[in-house]
């Protein structure tokens, strides 16, 4: 029994493999110019089949293109061209694997960030004539009794009842590009931070 034209057309459509592209062609070259994967691997080589550098690049693209919680990154990954572009099979993008990379790179975050920032400054000739420094905060719901960082303090969110973490960040005057950051205890007073912040900025600029 033959198929009708409509049935044959439906078969053709169902046999097509569709992959999401989005802004990938624009973002992948930026990740490569910043040497994200190489930088991560130089500080944290690891022994995984898929390197930590590739996983960090994958997570970076996910946050920029279509943010997902860790347990849904694999589902998203399988529907994009990134599976082929980065040569990471969807089966390797499960949440425990992603979590292992995040755990392993945590002790090296400051060094990784600094290397990537220096690479960005040199690669894109970023204007450093004017820098702006400010502190913001993120409040948390819950007790967090065992945390040395999450604590009560001056609340910019007008939530004095909630514990918080402070974030100090330096950005360029032109474009607001972040150069340095520090995670500060929620109880940290703003006036106590400028000196340490200047030292952090000097460490970055001293390498340019």
N, C-alpha and C. Protein backbone atom coordinates (compact mmCIF):
# COMPACT_ATOMS: atom_id res chain seq x y z
N UNK A 1 0.86 -1.20 0.00
CA UNK A 1 0.00 0.00 0.00
C UNK A 1 0.88 1.24 0.00
N UNK A 2 0.69 2.17 -0.95
CA UNK A 2 1.52 3.36 -1.05
C UNK A 2 1.11 4.43 -0.07
N UNK A 3 2.03 5.36 0.16
CA UNK A 3 1.77 6.49 1.06
C UNK A 3 1.28 7.67 0.25
N UNK A 4 0.38 8.44 0.85
CA UNK A 4 -0.08 9.66 0.20
C UNK A 4 1.03 10.70 0.24
N UNK A 5 0.87 11.76 -0.54
CA UNK A 5 1.87 12.82 -0.58
C UNK A 5 2.02 13.47 0.80
N UNK A 6 0.91 13.66 1.51
CA UNK A 6 0.96 14.26 2.84
C UNK A 6 1.71 13.37 3.82
N UNK A 7 1.48 12.05 3.71
CA UNK A 7 2.17 11.12 4.61
C UNK A 7 3.67 11.07 4.32
N UNK A 8 4.02 11.11 3.04
CA UNK A 8 5.44 11.12 2.68
C UNK A 8 6.12 12.40 3.19
N UNK A 9 5.43 13.53 3.05
CA UNK A 9 5.98 14.81 3.52
C UNK A 9 6.19 14.77 5.04
N UNK A 10 5.24 14.19 5.77
CA UNK A 10 5.37 14.08 7.24
C UNK A 10 6.57 13.22 7.62
N UNK A 11 6.81 12.16 6.86
CA UNK A 11 7.97 11.31 7.12
C UNK A 11 9.27 12.08 6.93
N UNK A 12 9.33 12.86 5.84
CA UNK A 12 10.53 13.65 5.58
C UNK A 12 10.80 14.63 6.72
N UNK A 13 9.74 15.28 7.19
CA UNK A 13 9.88 16.26 8.27
C UNK A 13 10.36 15.57 9.55
N UNK A 14 9.75 14.42 9.86
CA UNK A 14 10.11 13.71 11.09
C UNK A 14 11.54 13.19 11.06
N UNK A 15 12.08 12.95 9.86
CA UNK A 15 13.44 12.43 9.74
C UNK A 15 14.51 13.52 9.78
N UNK A 16 14.08 14.79 9.77
CA UNK A 16 15.04 15.88 9.82
C UNK A 16 15.58 16.05 11.23
N UNK A 17 16.86 16.37 11.35
CA UNK A 17 17.49 16.62 12.64
C UNK A 17 17.64 18.13 12.81
N UNK A 18 16.92 18.70 13.74
CA UNK A 18 16.97 20.14 13.96
C UNK A 18 17.87 20.45 15.15
N UNK A 19 18.77 21.41 14.98
CA UNK A 19 19.67 21.83 16.04
C UNK A 19 19.57 23.35 16.21
N UNK A 20 19.52 23.79 17.47
CA UNK A 20 19.42 25.22 17.77
C UNK A 20 20.78 25.87 17.65
N UNK A 21 20.84 27.04 16.99
CA UNK A 21 22.10 27.75 16.79
C UNK A 21 22.18 29.00 17.67
N UNK A 22 21.18 29.85 17.62
CA UNK A 22 21.17 31.08 18.41
C UNK A 22 22.39 31.95 18.13
N UNK A 23 22.97 32.50 19.18
CA UNK A 23 24.12 33.40 19.05
C UNK A 23 25.45 32.65 19.14
N UNK A 24 25.41 31.32 19.03
CA UNK A 24 26.63 30.51 19.14
C UNK A 24 27.75 30.98 18.21
N UNK A 25 27.48 31.27 16.92
CA UNK A 25 28.58 31.69 16.03
C UNK A 25 29.27 32.97 16.49
N UNK A 26 28.60 33.80 17.26
CA UNK A 26 29.23 35.03 17.77
C UNK A 26 29.98 34.78 19.06
N UNK A 27 29.46 33.92 19.92
CA UNK A 27 30.04 33.72 21.24
C UNK A 27 31.21 32.74 21.25
N UNK A 28 31.17 31.71 20.41
CA UNK A 28 32.25 30.74 20.38
C UNK A 28 33.61 31.38 20.08
N UNK A 29 33.71 32.27 19.08
CA UNK A 29 35.01 32.91 18.82
C UNK A 29 35.50 33.74 20.00
N UNK A 30 34.58 34.36 20.75
CA UNK A 30 34.98 35.15 21.91
C UNK A 30 35.58 34.24 22.97
N UNK A 31 34.93 33.10 23.23
CA UNK A 31 35.46 32.15 24.21
C UNK A 31 36.85 31.67 23.80
N UNK A 32 37.03 31.49 22.49
CA UNK A 32 38.33 31.02 22.00
C UNK A 32 39.39 32.11 22.14
N UNK A 33 39.02 33.36 21.85
CA UNK A 33 39.99 34.46 21.96
C UNK A 33 40.36 34.71 23.43
N UNK A 34 39.43 34.46 24.33
CA UNK A 34 39.72 34.62 25.76
C UNK A 34 40.49 33.44 26.33
N UNK A 35 40.59 32.36 25.55
CA UNK A 35 41.34 31.16 25.94
C UNK A 35 40.78 30.57 27.25
N UNK A 36 39.47 30.53 27.36
CA UNK A 36 38.82 30.05 28.58
C UNK A 36 39.21 28.61 28.88
N UNK A 37 39.07 27.73 27.89
CA UNK A 37 39.36 26.31 28.12
C UNK A 37 40.82 26.09 28.48
N UNK A 38 41.73 26.71 27.73
CA UNK A 38 43.16 26.53 28.00
C UNK A 38 43.53 27.06 29.38
N UNK A 39 42.95 28.19 29.76
CA UNK A 39 43.26 28.78 31.07
C UNK A 39 42.80 27.88 32.21
N UNK A 40 41.58 27.38 32.10
CA UNK A 40 41.05 26.48 33.13
C UNK A 40 41.92 25.24 33.24
N UNK A 41 42.25 24.65 32.11
CA UNK A 41 43.04 23.43 32.11
C UNK A 41 44.46 23.64 32.65
N UNK A 42 45.00 24.83 32.45
CA UNK A 42 46.35 25.10 32.95
C UNK A 42 46.38 25.16 34.47
N UNK A 43 45.29 25.61 35.07
CA UNK A 43 45.21 25.70 36.53
C UNK A 43 44.63 24.45 37.17
N UNK A 44 43.82 23.73 36.40
CA UNK A 44 43.11 22.57 36.97
C UNK A 44 42.97 21.50 35.88
N UNK A 45 44.04 20.77 35.59
CA UNK A 45 44.03 19.81 34.48
C UNK A 45 42.96 18.73 34.62
N UNK A 46 42.83 18.14 35.81
CA UNK A 46 41.84 17.09 36.00
C UNK A 46 42.18 15.82 35.24
N UNK A 47 41.39 14.78 35.47
CA UNK A 47 41.61 13.48 34.83
C UNK A 47 40.36 12.98 34.11
N UNK A 48 39.40 13.87 33.91
CA UNK A 48 38.15 13.49 33.29
C UNK A 48 38.33 13.31 31.78
N UNK A 49 37.46 12.50 31.18
CA UNK A 49 37.51 12.28 29.73
C UNK A 49 37.28 13.59 28.99
N UNK A 50 36.30 14.36 29.45
CA UNK A 50 36.07 15.71 28.91
C UNK A 50 36.71 16.69 29.88
N UNK A 51 37.61 17.51 29.39
CA UNK A 51 38.39 18.39 30.26
C UNK A 51 37.52 19.41 30.99
N UNK A 52 38.04 19.86 32.13
CA UNK A 52 37.34 20.92 32.88
C UNK A 52 37.20 22.17 32.01
N UNK A 53 38.21 22.45 31.18
CA UNK A 53 38.14 23.63 30.33
C UNK A 53 36.97 23.59 29.37
N UNK A 54 36.71 22.42 28.78
CA UNK A 54 35.57 22.28 27.88
C UNK A 54 34.25 22.44 28.63
N UNK A 55 34.19 21.85 29.83
CA UNK A 55 32.95 21.95 30.61
C UNK A 55 32.68 23.39 31.02
N UNK A 56 33.72 24.12 31.44
CA UNK A 56 33.53 25.53 31.82
C UNK A 56 33.08 26.34 30.61
N UNK A 57 33.65 26.08 29.45
CA UNK A 57 33.22 26.76 28.24
C UNK A 57 31.75 26.46 27.95
N UNK A 58 31.37 25.19 28.11
CA UNK A 58 29.98 24.80 27.88
C UNK A 58 29.04 25.51 28.85
N UNK A 59 29.41 25.57 30.12
CA UNK A 59 28.56 26.23 31.11
C UNK A 59 28.50 27.73 30.86
N UNK A 60 29.62 28.31 30.42
CA UNK A 60 29.62 29.74 30.09
C UNK A 60 28.64 30.03 28.97
N UNK A 61 28.66 29.21 27.93
CA UNK A 61 27.75 29.41 26.81
C UNK A 61 26.30 29.21 27.24
N UNK A 62 26.07 28.25 28.12
CA UNK A 62 24.71 28.03 28.60
C UNK A 62 24.19 29.24 29.35
N UNK A 63 25.04 29.82 30.23
CA UNK A 63 24.60 30.98 31.00
C UNK A 63 24.31 32.16 30.08
N UNK A 64 25.08 32.30 29.00
CA UNK A 64 24.90 33.43 28.10
C UNK A 64 23.75 33.23 27.12
N UNK A 65 23.53 31.98 26.71
CA UNK A 65 22.55 31.71 25.66
C UNK A 65 21.17 31.35 26.19
N UNK A 66 21.13 30.47 27.19
CA UNK A 66 19.84 29.96 27.66
C UNK A 66 20.02 29.32 29.04
N UNK A 67 20.13 30.12 30.09
CA UNK A 67 20.47 29.60 31.43
C UNK A 67 19.55 28.47 31.89
N UNK A 68 20.17 27.43 32.43
CA UNK A 68 19.44 26.29 32.96
C UNK A 68 20.07 25.86 34.29
N UNK A 69 19.28 25.26 35.18
CA UNK A 69 19.90 24.61 36.35
C UNK A 69 20.73 23.44 35.87
N UNK A 70 21.70 23.01 36.69
CA UNK A 70 22.64 21.98 36.25
C UNK A 70 21.94 20.73 35.72
N UNK A 71 20.85 20.32 36.36
CA UNK A 71 20.23 19.06 35.96
C UNK A 71 19.48 19.17 34.63
N UNK A 72 19.35 20.39 34.09
CA UNK A 72 18.69 20.55 32.80
C UNK A 72 19.63 21.00 31.69
N UNK A 73 20.90 21.18 32.02
CA UNK A 73 21.86 21.63 31.00
C UNK A 73 22.00 20.58 29.90
N UNK A 74 22.07 19.30 30.27
CA UNK A 74 22.21 18.23 29.29
C UNK A 74 21.05 18.20 28.31
N UNK A 75 19.85 18.39 28.81
CA UNK A 75 18.66 18.39 27.96
C UNK A 75 18.75 19.51 26.93
N UNK A 76 19.17 20.69 27.38
CA UNK A 76 19.35 21.82 26.46
C UNK A 76 20.49 21.55 25.48
N UNK A 77 21.57 21.01 25.99
CA UNK A 77 22.77 20.76 25.19
C UNK A 77 22.47 19.87 23.98
N UNK A 78 21.68 18.84 24.19
CA UNK A 78 21.38 17.90 23.12
C UNK A 78 20.61 18.50 21.96
N UNK A 79 19.97 19.64 22.18
CA UNK A 79 19.21 20.28 21.11
C UNK A 79 19.94 21.40 20.43
N UNK A 80 21.25 21.56 20.72
CA UNK A 80 22.02 22.64 20.13
C UNK A 80 23.13 22.08 19.23
N UNK A 81 23.77 22.99 18.48
CA UNK A 81 24.90 22.58 17.65
C UNK A 81 26.17 22.43 18.48
N UNK A 82 26.12 22.80 19.75
CA UNK A 82 27.31 22.78 20.60
C UNK A 82 27.81 21.36 20.85
N UNK A 83 26.91 20.39 20.81
CA UNK A 83 27.32 19.00 21.01
C UNK A 83 28.39 18.62 19.99
N UNK A 84 28.23 19.09 18.76
CA UNK A 84 29.21 18.81 17.72
C UNK A 84 30.36 19.81 17.73
N UNK A 85 30.04 21.09 17.99
CA UNK A 85 31.06 22.14 17.94
C UNK A 85 32.14 21.94 19.00
N UNK A 86 31.74 21.53 20.20
CA UNK A 86 32.71 21.32 21.29
C UNK A 86 33.06 19.85 21.48
N UNK A 87 32.42 19.00 20.70
CA UNK A 87 32.67 17.55 20.76
C UNK A 87 32.46 17.01 22.18
N UNK A 88 31.31 17.38 22.75
CA UNK A 88 30.90 16.86 24.06
C UNK A 88 29.55 16.19 23.88
N UNK A 89 29.50 14.87 24.00
CA UNK A 89 28.23 14.16 23.85
C UNK A 89 27.27 14.54 24.97
N UNK A 90 25.99 14.54 24.64
CA UNK A 90 24.98 14.93 25.62
C UNK A 90 25.03 14.03 26.85
N UNK A 91 25.45 12.76 26.68
CA UNK A 91 25.52 11.83 27.81
C UNK A 91 26.57 12.27 28.84
N UNK A 92 27.50 13.11 28.42
CA UNK A 92 28.56 13.58 29.32
C UNK A 92 28.20 14.88 30.03
N UNK A 93 27.00 15.39 29.77
CA UNK A 93 26.60 16.67 30.34
C UNK A 93 25.57 16.48 31.46
N UNK A 94 25.75 15.47 32.29
CA UNK A 94 24.83 15.27 33.41
C UNK A 94 25.28 16.09 34.61
N UNK A 95 24.35 16.34 35.55
CA UNK A 95 24.59 17.32 36.60
C UNK A 95 25.77 16.97 37.52
N UNK A 96 25.97 15.68 37.85
CA UNK A 96 27.09 15.31 38.71
C UNK A 96 28.42 15.61 38.04
N UNK A 97 28.49 15.38 36.73
CA UNK A 97 29.74 15.68 36.01
C UNK A 97 30.02 17.18 36.02
N UNK A 98 29.00 17.98 35.78
CA UNK A 98 29.16 19.43 35.79
C UNK A 98 29.55 19.90 37.19
N UNK A 99 28.92 19.30 38.19
CA UNK A 99 29.22 19.66 39.58
C UNK A 99 30.66 19.35 39.96
N UNK A 100 31.20 18.24 39.44
CA UNK A 100 32.60 17.90 39.75
C UNK A 100 33.55 18.96 39.22
N UNK A 101 33.26 19.45 38.03
CA UNK A 101 34.12 20.51 37.48
C UNK A 101 34.04 21.76 38.36
N UNK A 102 32.85 22.15 38.75
CA UNK A 102 32.70 23.35 39.58
C UNK A 102 33.43 23.18 40.92
N UNK A 103 33.35 21.99 41.50
CA UNK A 103 34.07 21.72 42.76
C UNK A 103 35.58 21.80 42.56
N UNK A 104 36.06 21.22 41.46
CA UNK A 104 37.50 21.14 41.24
C UNK A 104 38.13 22.50 40.94
N UNK A 105 37.41 23.36 40.23
CA UNK A 105 38.00 24.66 39.87
C UNK A 105 37.85 25.69 40.98
N UNK A 106 36.99 25.42 41.97
CA UNK A 106 36.73 26.42 43.00
C UNK A 106 37.99 26.97 43.67
N UNK A 107 38.96 26.14 44.05
CA UNK A 107 40.17 26.69 44.69
C UNK A 107 41.02 27.55 43.75
N UNK A 108 40.76 27.46 42.45
CA UNK A 108 41.59 28.17 41.46
C UNK A 108 40.86 29.35 40.82
N UNK A 109 39.67 29.70 41.33
CA UNK A 109 38.84 30.69 40.66
C UNK A 109 39.53 32.04 40.50
N UNK A 110 40.19 32.51 41.55
CA UNK A 110 40.83 33.83 41.50
C UNK A 110 41.89 33.88 40.40
N UNK A 111 42.72 32.84 40.33
CA UNK A 111 43.78 32.80 39.31
C UNK A 111 43.21 32.68 37.91
N UNK A 112 42.17 31.85 37.77
CA UNK A 112 41.54 31.67 36.45
C UNK A 112 40.93 32.99 35.98
N UNK A 113 40.19 33.63 36.88
CA UNK A 113 39.55 34.91 36.54
C UNK A 113 40.59 35.94 36.13
N UNK A 114 41.67 36.04 36.88
CA UNK A 114 42.69 37.04 36.60
C UNK A 114 43.33 36.80 35.24
N UNK A 115 43.62 35.54 34.92
CA UNK A 115 44.23 35.24 33.61
C UNK A 115 43.28 35.59 32.46
N UNK A 116 41.99 35.29 32.63
CA UNK A 116 41.03 35.59 31.57
C UNK A 116 40.85 37.08 31.39
N UNK A 117 40.82 37.82 32.51
CA UNK A 117 40.69 39.28 32.43
C UNK A 117 41.89 39.89 31.71
N UNK A 118 43.10 39.45 32.06
CA UNK A 118 44.30 39.97 31.39
C UNK A 118 44.26 39.66 29.91
N UNK A 119 43.85 38.44 29.56
CA UNK A 119 43.72 38.07 28.15
C UNK A 119 42.71 38.96 27.43
N UNK A 120 41.60 39.27 28.09
CA UNK A 120 40.58 40.13 27.49
C UNK A 120 41.11 41.54 27.26
N UNK A 121 41.84 42.06 28.25
CA UNK A 121 42.39 43.42 28.13
C UNK A 121 43.33 43.50 26.94
N UNK A 122 44.21 42.51 26.81
CA UNK A 122 45.19 42.51 25.73
C UNK A 122 44.56 42.23 24.38
N UNK A 123 43.60 41.31 24.36
CA UNK A 123 42.99 40.88 23.10
C UNK A 123 42.06 41.95 22.52
N UNK A 124 41.34 42.66 23.39
CA UNK A 124 40.34 43.61 22.92
C UNK A 124 40.73 45.06 23.20
N UNK A 125 41.95 45.29 23.67
CA UNK A 125 42.44 46.65 23.93
C UNK A 125 41.42 47.46 24.76
N UNK A 126 41.06 46.92 25.91
CA UNK A 126 40.04 47.53 26.78
C UNK A 126 40.57 48.81 27.41
N UNK A 127 39.75 49.84 27.39
CA UNK A 127 40.11 51.16 27.94
C UNK A 127 40.12 51.09 29.47
N UNK A 128 41.29 51.34 30.07
CA UNK A 128 41.44 51.25 31.53
C UNK A 128 41.65 52.62 32.18
N UNK A 129 41.37 53.68 31.46
CA UNK A 129 41.63 55.01 32.01
C UNK A 129 40.76 55.32 33.22
N UNK A 130 39.53 54.82 33.22
CA UNK A 130 38.63 55.07 34.34
C UNK A 130 38.02 53.75 34.81
N UNK A 131 38.07 53.50 36.11
CA UNK A 131 37.47 52.32 36.72
C UNK A 131 36.48 52.76 37.80
N UNK A 132 35.41 52.01 37.94
CA UNK A 132 34.40 52.31 38.96
C UNK A 132 34.29 51.13 39.91
N UNK A 133 34.21 51.44 41.19
CA UNK A 133 34.10 50.40 42.22
C UNK A 133 32.81 50.60 43.01
N UNK A 134 32.12 49.51 43.27
CA UNK A 134 30.90 49.59 44.06
C UNK A 134 30.66 48.24 44.74
N UNK A 135 29.77 48.27 45.72
CA UNK A 135 29.40 47.05 46.45
C UNK A 135 27.90 46.85 46.32
N UNK A 136 27.50 45.64 46.05
CA UNK A 136 26.08 45.29 46.06
C UNK A 136 25.91 44.10 46.99
N UNK A 137 24.69 43.65 47.17
CA UNK A 137 24.44 42.53 48.09
C UNK A 137 23.35 41.63 47.55
N UNK A 138 23.37 40.39 48.00
CA UNK A 138 22.36 39.40 47.65
C UNK A 138 21.85 38.81 48.95
N UNK A 139 20.56 38.88 49.18
CA UNK A 139 20.04 38.35 50.44
C UNK A 139 19.53 36.92 50.26
N UNK A 140 19.53 36.19 51.37
CA UNK A 140 19.18 34.77 51.36
C UNK A 140 18.02 34.51 52.30
N UNK A 141 17.20 33.54 51.93
CA UNK A 141 16.14 33.05 52.81
C UNK A 141 16.67 31.82 53.54
N UNK A 142 16.50 31.75 54.85
CA UNK A 142 16.99 30.60 55.60
C UNK A 142 17.95 31.03 56.70
N UNK A 143 18.40 30.05 57.49
CA UNK A 143 19.23 30.35 58.65
C UNK A 143 20.72 30.47 58.31
N UNK A 144 21.26 29.49 57.57
CA UNK A 144 22.67 29.47 57.20
C UNK A 144 23.57 29.66 58.42
N UNK A 145 23.32 28.91 59.46
CA UNK A 145 24.03 29.09 60.71
C UNK A 145 25.50 28.70 60.61
N UNK A 146 25.85 27.81 59.68
CA UNK A 146 27.24 27.37 59.58
C UNK A 146 28.09 28.17 58.61
N UNK A 147 27.55 29.24 58.04
CA UNK A 147 28.27 30.01 57.03
C UNK A 147 29.06 31.15 57.66
N UNK A 148 30.31 31.31 57.19
CA UNK A 148 31.13 32.45 57.62
C UNK A 148 30.90 33.67 56.74
N UNK A 149 30.21 33.48 55.62
CA UNK A 149 30.02 34.56 54.65
C UNK A 149 28.61 35.14 54.69
N UNK A 150 27.62 34.27 54.78
CA UNK A 150 26.22 34.72 54.78
C UNK A 150 25.87 35.19 56.19
N UNK A 151 25.61 36.49 56.32
CA UNK A 151 25.43 37.06 57.65
C UNK A 151 24.56 38.31 57.54
N UNK A 152 24.13 38.82 58.68
CA UNK A 152 23.36 40.07 58.71
C UNK A 152 24.29 41.25 58.48
N UNK A 153 23.74 42.30 57.86
CA UNK A 153 24.51 43.52 57.62
C UNK A 153 23.62 44.58 57.02
N UNK A 154 24.24 45.68 56.59
CA UNK A 154 23.47 46.75 55.96
C UNK A 154 22.81 46.21 54.70
N UNK A 155 21.48 46.29 54.64
CA UNK A 155 20.74 45.67 53.53
C UNK A 155 20.36 46.71 52.49
N UNK A 156 20.92 46.58 51.32
CA UNK A 156 20.54 47.45 50.20
C UNK A 156 19.19 47.04 49.62
N UNK A 157 18.75 45.84 49.97
CA UNK A 157 17.45 45.35 49.51
C UNK A 157 16.33 45.68 50.50
N UNK A 158 16.67 46.44 51.54
CA UNK A 158 15.70 46.80 52.58
C UNK A 158 15.11 45.55 53.22
N UNK A 159 16.01 44.56 53.47
CA UNK A 159 15.61 43.34 54.13
C UNK A 159 16.53 43.09 55.34
N UNK A 160 16.45 43.94 56.36
CA UNK A 160 17.31 43.75 57.53
C UNK A 160 17.04 42.44 58.27
N UNK A 161 15.90 41.79 57.95
CA UNK A 161 15.56 40.53 58.60
C UNK A 161 16.26 39.34 57.94
N UNK A 162 16.90 39.56 56.78
CA UNK A 162 17.49 38.46 56.02
C UNK A 162 19.02 38.57 56.00
N UNK A 163 19.68 37.42 56.06
CA UNK A 163 21.13 37.39 55.92
C UNK A 163 21.52 37.64 54.46
N UNK A 164 22.77 38.02 54.25
CA UNK A 164 23.18 38.41 52.90
C UNK A 164 24.67 38.13 52.68
N UNK A 165 25.07 38.28 51.42
CA UNK A 165 26.47 38.27 51.00
C UNK A 165 26.71 39.57 50.24
N UNK A 166 27.85 40.19 50.47
CA UNK A 166 28.21 41.41 49.73
C UNK A 166 29.14 41.05 48.58
N UNK A 167 29.01 41.78 47.50
CA UNK A 167 29.87 41.60 46.33
C UNK A 167 30.50 42.93 45.97
N UNK A 168 31.84 42.98 45.99
CA UNK A 168 32.54 44.18 45.56
C UNK A 168 33.05 43.96 44.14
N UNK A 169 32.84 44.92 43.27
CA UNK A 169 33.22 44.72 41.86
C UNK A 169 33.77 46.01 41.26
N UNK A 170 34.77 45.85 40.41
CA UNK A 170 35.36 46.96 39.65
C UNK A 170 35.02 46.78 38.18
N UNK A 171 34.53 47.84 37.55
CA UNK A 171 34.21 47.78 36.12
C UNK A 171 34.86 48.95 35.41
N UNK A 172 35.04 48.81 34.11
CA UNK A 172 35.62 49.89 33.32
C UNK A 172 34.61 51.02 33.17
N UNK A 173 35.13 52.25 33.04
CA UNK A 173 34.25 53.39 32.85
C UNK A 173 33.52 53.32 31.52
N UNK A 174 34.17 52.75 30.52
CA UNK A 174 33.56 52.61 29.20
C UNK A 174 33.12 51.17 29.00
N UNK A 175 31.84 50.95 28.92
CA UNK A 175 31.30 49.62 28.66
C UNK A 175 30.95 48.82 29.90
N UNK A 176 31.42 49.25 31.09
CA UNK A 176 31.10 48.54 32.32
C UNK A 176 31.60 47.11 32.34
N UNK A 177 32.80 46.88 31.79
CA UNK A 177 33.36 45.53 31.74
C UNK A 177 33.97 45.18 33.10
N UNK A 178 33.57 44.06 33.72
CA UNK A 178 34.11 43.71 35.04
C UNK A 178 35.57 43.29 34.96
N UNK A 179 36.38 43.82 35.88
CA UNK A 179 37.80 43.50 35.92
C UNK A 179 38.20 42.73 37.16
N UNK A 180 37.62 43.09 38.29
CA UNK A 180 37.97 42.43 39.55
C UNK A 180 36.71 42.34 40.40
N UNK A 181 36.65 41.29 41.22
CA UNK A 181 35.51 41.15 42.12
C UNK A 181 35.96 40.47 43.40
N UNK A 182 35.20 40.67 44.45
CA UNK A 182 35.46 40.00 45.73
C UNK A 182 34.13 39.64 46.36
N UNK A 183 34.06 38.43 46.91
CA UNK A 183 32.89 38.00 47.67
C UNK A 183 33.17 38.32 49.13
N UNK A 184 32.31 39.12 49.73
CA UNK A 184 32.54 39.63 51.08
C UNK A 184 31.43 39.16 52.02
N UNK A 185 31.77 38.98 53.25
CA UNK A 185 30.78 38.60 54.26
C UNK A 185 29.67 39.64 54.33
N UNK A 186 28.47 39.21 54.60
CA UNK A 186 27.34 40.12 54.65
C UNK A 186 27.47 41.21 55.68
N UNK A 187 28.27 41.00 56.70
CA UNK A 187 28.46 41.99 57.77
C UNK A 187 29.52 43.03 57.44
N UNK A 188 30.22 42.87 56.29
CA UNK A 188 31.32 43.75 55.93
C UNK A 188 30.83 45.18 55.70
N UNK A 189 31.47 46.15 56.36
CA UNK A 189 31.13 47.56 56.17
C UNK A 189 31.84 48.08 54.92
N UNK A 190 31.14 48.89 54.13
CA UNK A 190 31.69 49.39 52.87
C UNK A 190 33.03 50.10 53.07
N UNK A 191 33.14 50.89 54.11
CA UNK A 191 34.33 51.72 54.29
C UNK A 191 35.60 50.92 54.58
N UNK A 192 35.45 49.64 54.90
CA UNK A 192 36.62 48.81 55.19
C UNK A 192 37.19 48.13 53.95
N UNK A 193 36.56 48.32 52.78
CA UNK A 193 36.93 47.54 51.60
C UNK A 193 37.84 48.22 50.57
N UNK A 194 37.91 49.57 50.50
CA UNK A 194 38.67 50.19 49.40
C UNK A 194 40.14 49.78 49.31
N UNK A 195 40.84 49.64 50.44
CA UNK A 195 42.26 49.32 50.40
C UNK A 195 42.51 47.95 49.78
N UNK A 196 41.78 46.93 50.25
CA UNK A 196 41.94 45.59 49.69
C UNK A 196 41.51 45.56 48.22
N UNK A 197 40.52 46.37 47.90
CA UNK A 197 40.07 46.42 46.51
C UNK A 197 41.16 46.99 45.61
N UNK A 198 41.83 48.04 46.08
CA UNK A 198 42.91 48.63 45.29
C UNK A 198 44.03 47.62 45.05
N UNK A 199 44.32 46.81 46.06
CA UNK A 199 45.35 45.78 45.91
C UNK A 199 44.94 44.76 44.85
N UNK A 200 43.65 44.39 44.85
CA UNK A 200 43.16 43.43 43.86
C UNK A 200 43.27 43.99 42.45
N UNK A 201 42.93 45.27 42.29
CA UNK A 201 43.02 45.90 40.97
C UNK A 201 44.48 45.99 40.53
N UNK A 202 45.37 46.31 41.47
CA UNK A 202 46.79 46.41 41.14
C UNK A 202 47.35 45.07 40.65
N UNK A 203 46.87 43.98 41.25
CA UNK A 203 47.36 42.67 40.84
C UNK A 203 46.99 42.39 39.38
N UNK A 204 45.80 42.82 39.00
CA UNK A 204 45.38 42.62 37.60
C UNK A 204 46.14 43.55 36.67
N UNK A 205 46.15 44.84 36.98
CA UNK A 205 46.77 45.81 36.10
C UNK A 205 48.28 45.65 36.03
N UNK A 206 48.87 45.08 37.08
CA UNK A 206 50.31 44.88 37.08
C UNK A 206 50.77 43.87 36.05
N UNK A 207 49.85 43.09 35.50
CA UNK A 207 50.21 42.06 34.52
C UNK A 207 49.93 42.51 33.08
N UNK A 208 49.35 43.71 32.94
CA UNK A 208 48.98 44.19 31.60
C UNK A 208 50.17 44.93 30.98
